[in-house]
Structure formats: C-alpha cells, structure tokens
Amino acid sequence: MRHWLRWQILVPRVLLVLVVLLTVQYVLGIAARSMAVRSGKTIFGVPVEVGHARVSVLSRKVVLSDVRLADPQENWKSIIQADRCELNFAASSLLHKEAVVESGRISGLRFGSAVRCDVSSSNKWLTDDADLAARKWLANVADQFSLAPVNHFDSVKRTEAFCAKWSHQSAGLD
C-alpha cells in the first residue's frame, strides 16, 4: 500500500514538471522569434521575417528558420533569405543577464530573390545581378559595424593614452 502511494504522488509531479518545461521552451521560441524580428528591423532598417524559432535551453542554442530581410521598395522581393540560422550562446554571459553569441552558422543564403518561387526555379536563385546585390548589401553592413562607438568608452581612451605614454617611457629606459 505504501509503494502505491508514492507513485500516486510522484507521477503527477513529474508530468507537471515536463509540461512546464515544454511550455517554457515553446514560449521562449515565440519570444526569440519576436526579438529577432524587432532587433533585425532596428539594426538593418528593413522589415525582417522569421518563419520559426526553436530554443534549446540545455545546449544554449537558438535556431531561426526561414529568415527573410524584405526589400522596402518591393515587398515581394527580399534582400537576403536564409533557410536556417543557428546561434550558440556563451553560458557565462547568460548568468549576468547578457546574450553573447559564441558561434553561429547560416545556411541556405540567397541574395535578391523573390519571396515565393516554385520548385523548378529554386535551383536558379543565383541571378546575374546577385553578386552586385550582395556587394551592395555587404558594403552597407560594413558601414554599420564601425569601431566609432567603441572609442567612446573610458577604458579604451585610457588604454590608448597608456600605450602612447608607454612608448615614450620605454624609449627613455634604453
């Protein structure tokens, strides 16, 4: 009788924990998708669409599927499309409420393609002007990732001043 009572208590609790964990993973996927769309629009300045987001808490991985950066002038075209984008996060930064991507992988990258394409034309995504569109887009991305904001930090200014002063002091030691 005592053995039966333990199972009556243990099984519902284990099932409740499993349901809660699956719910948390589902909600985190929705939140990751929403954050990717919002931050992508802020960073790139164009509408961003994400088909599906999957979050794995144990492996600290977010997988975004069917990512699309839409062309603002022509919504039926996209600047860039990716079939899959995997992001691996650093564990130590998550403890400090920061998200630092340790590594990432993008697969199925296409430049300047139509949103809806039939199966027969799916192998012909590389058009004559795709390289031009890629170069133009990458030039804009390079302009956005400059080191100018880094120079505003006090630690960077102190380090640069120390390096400039050190070269004169080390020359005086010789």
Foldseek 3Di string as FASTA:
>chain_A
DVVVVVCVVPVVVVVVVVVVVVVVQVVVFVVVQVVCQVVVCVQQVFGKHFDTWGADPVQQKIKTAFIFGADPVDRQKTQKTFGIKMFHFDPVVVVVVDTDTPDMDTHDIAGTGGPDDDPVCPVVRDDPCRVVSVVVSVVVVVVSPDCVVVVPDPVNVVVVVCVVVVVVVVVVVD
